[in-house]
């Protein structure tokens, strides 16, 4: 299991466009990918779960990947977040 924390820097938080792109990135991996915000945990491969977190600017999220390609998933998703959120 691999994990990392990320602070959202987009003033709009995780809104529709980047949420869709995030789901697309997460779905490209075989491993399970979860996003955790506070006490809530959702499947990063499901758009309604990601949008349901309602992550705002300057909030922390944790990405957790578990499975055969977890290293690649964590690296790619961390890069994605830095470039988009």
Protein backbone atom coordinates (compact mmCIF):
# COMPACT_ATOMS: atom_id res chain seq x y z
CA UNK A 1 0.00 0.00 0.00
CA UNK A 2 1.30 3.43 -1.00
CA UNK A 3 -0.09 6.76 0.13
CA UNK A 4 0.58 10.49 0.03
CA UNK A 5 -0.97 13.71 1.30
CA UNK A 6 -1.78 16.66 -0.94
CA UNK A 7 -3.10 20.16 -0.18
CA UNK A 8 -5.52 21.47 -2.82
CA UNK A 9 -4.21 24.73 -4.31
CA UNK A 10 -6.91 25.35 -6.93
CA UNK A 11 -9.12 28.22 -5.69
CA UNK A 12 -12.21 26.29 -6.84
CA UNK A 13 -11.23 23.07 -5.05
CA UNK A 14 -11.90 19.78 -6.83
CA UNK A 15 -14.57 20.88 -9.31
CA UNK A 16 -16.13 19.02 -12.25
CA UNK A 17 -13.44 19.25 -14.94
CA UNK A 18 -10.42 18.22 -12.85
CA UNK A 19 -12.52 15.65 -10.99
CA UNK A 20 -13.32 13.95 -14.30
CA UNK A 21 -9.68 14.01 -15.32
CA UNK A 22 -8.64 12.63 -11.93
CA UNK A 23 -11.10 9.74 -12.27
CA UNK A 24 -9.77 9.03 -15.75
CA UNK A 25 -6.17 8.95 -14.44
CA UNK A 26 -7.08 6.72 -11.49
CA UNK A 27 -9.06 4.37 -13.75
CA UNK A 28 -6.03 3.74 -15.92
CA UNK A 29 -4.46 1.67 -13.11
CA UNK A 30 -5.29 -1.87 -12.05
CA UNK A 31 -4.80 -1.17 -8.34
CA UNK A 32 -7.50 0.26 -6.12
CA UNK A 33 -7.22 4.01 -5.55
CA UNK A 34 -8.97 5.79 -2.68
CA UNK A 35 -9.24 9.45 -1.77
CA UNK A 36 -9.60 10.30 1.90
CA UNK A 37 -10.79 13.67 3.23
CA UNK A 38 -11.25 13.75 6.97
CA UNK A 39 -13.40 10.76 7.89
CA UNK A 40 -14.72 10.21 4.34
CA UNK A 41 -13.11 7.73 1.96
CA UNK A 42 -14.18 7.26 -1.67
CA UNK A 43 -13.15 5.27 -4.72
CA UNK A 44 -11.10 7.61 -6.93
CA UNK A 45 -12.39 5.76 -10.00
CA UNK A 46 -15.98 6.94 -9.43
CA UNK A 47 -16.89 10.52 -10.36
CA UNK A 48 -19.82 10.80 -7.95
CA UNK A 49 -17.62 9.72 -5.05
CA UNK A 50 -14.92 12.26 -5.92
CA UNK A 51 -17.45 15.07 -6.37
CA UNK A 52 -19.26 14.01 -3.18
CA UNK A 53 -16.16 14.77 -1.13
CA UNK A 54 -16.66 18.47 -1.94
CA UNK A 55 -12.96 19.23 -1.42
CA UNK A 56 -12.31 22.96 -1.15
CA UNK A 57 -9.25 25.15 -1.58
CA UNK A 58 -6.47 24.64 1.00
CA UNK A 59 -7.90 21.32 2.26
CA UNK A 60 -5.80 18.19 2.60
CA UNK A 61 -6.61 14.91 0.90
CA UNK A 62 -4.84 11.59 1.09
CA UNK A 63 -4.44 9.30 -1.91
CA UNK A 64 -4.09 5.58 -1.13
CA UNK A 65 -3.24 3.02 -3.80
CA UNK A 66 -3.11 -0.72 -3.20
CA UNK A 67 -2.37 -3.36 -5.79
CA UNK A 68 0.10 -4.51 -8.41
CA UNK A 69 0.80 -1.09 -9.96
CA UNK A 70 0.46 1.05 -6.82
CA UNK A 71 3.90 2.67 -7.22
CA UNK A 72 3.10 3.91 -10.72
CA UNK A 73 -0.39 5.03 -9.64
CA UNK A 74 0.89 7.11 -6.72
CA UNK A 75 3.61 8.73 -8.84
CA UNK A 76 1.24 9.59 -11.70
CA UNK A 77 -1.57 10.85 -9.45
CA UNK A 78 0.78 13.02 -7.40
CA UNK A 79 2.06 14.57 -10.63
CA UNK A 80 -1.52 15.04 -11.85
CA UNK A 81 -2.58 16.82 -8.66
CA UNK A 82 0.43 19.13 -8.71
CA UNK A 83 -0.30 20.10 -12.31
CA UNK A 84 -4.10 20.43 -12.02
CA UNK A 85 -5.22 21.03 -8.45
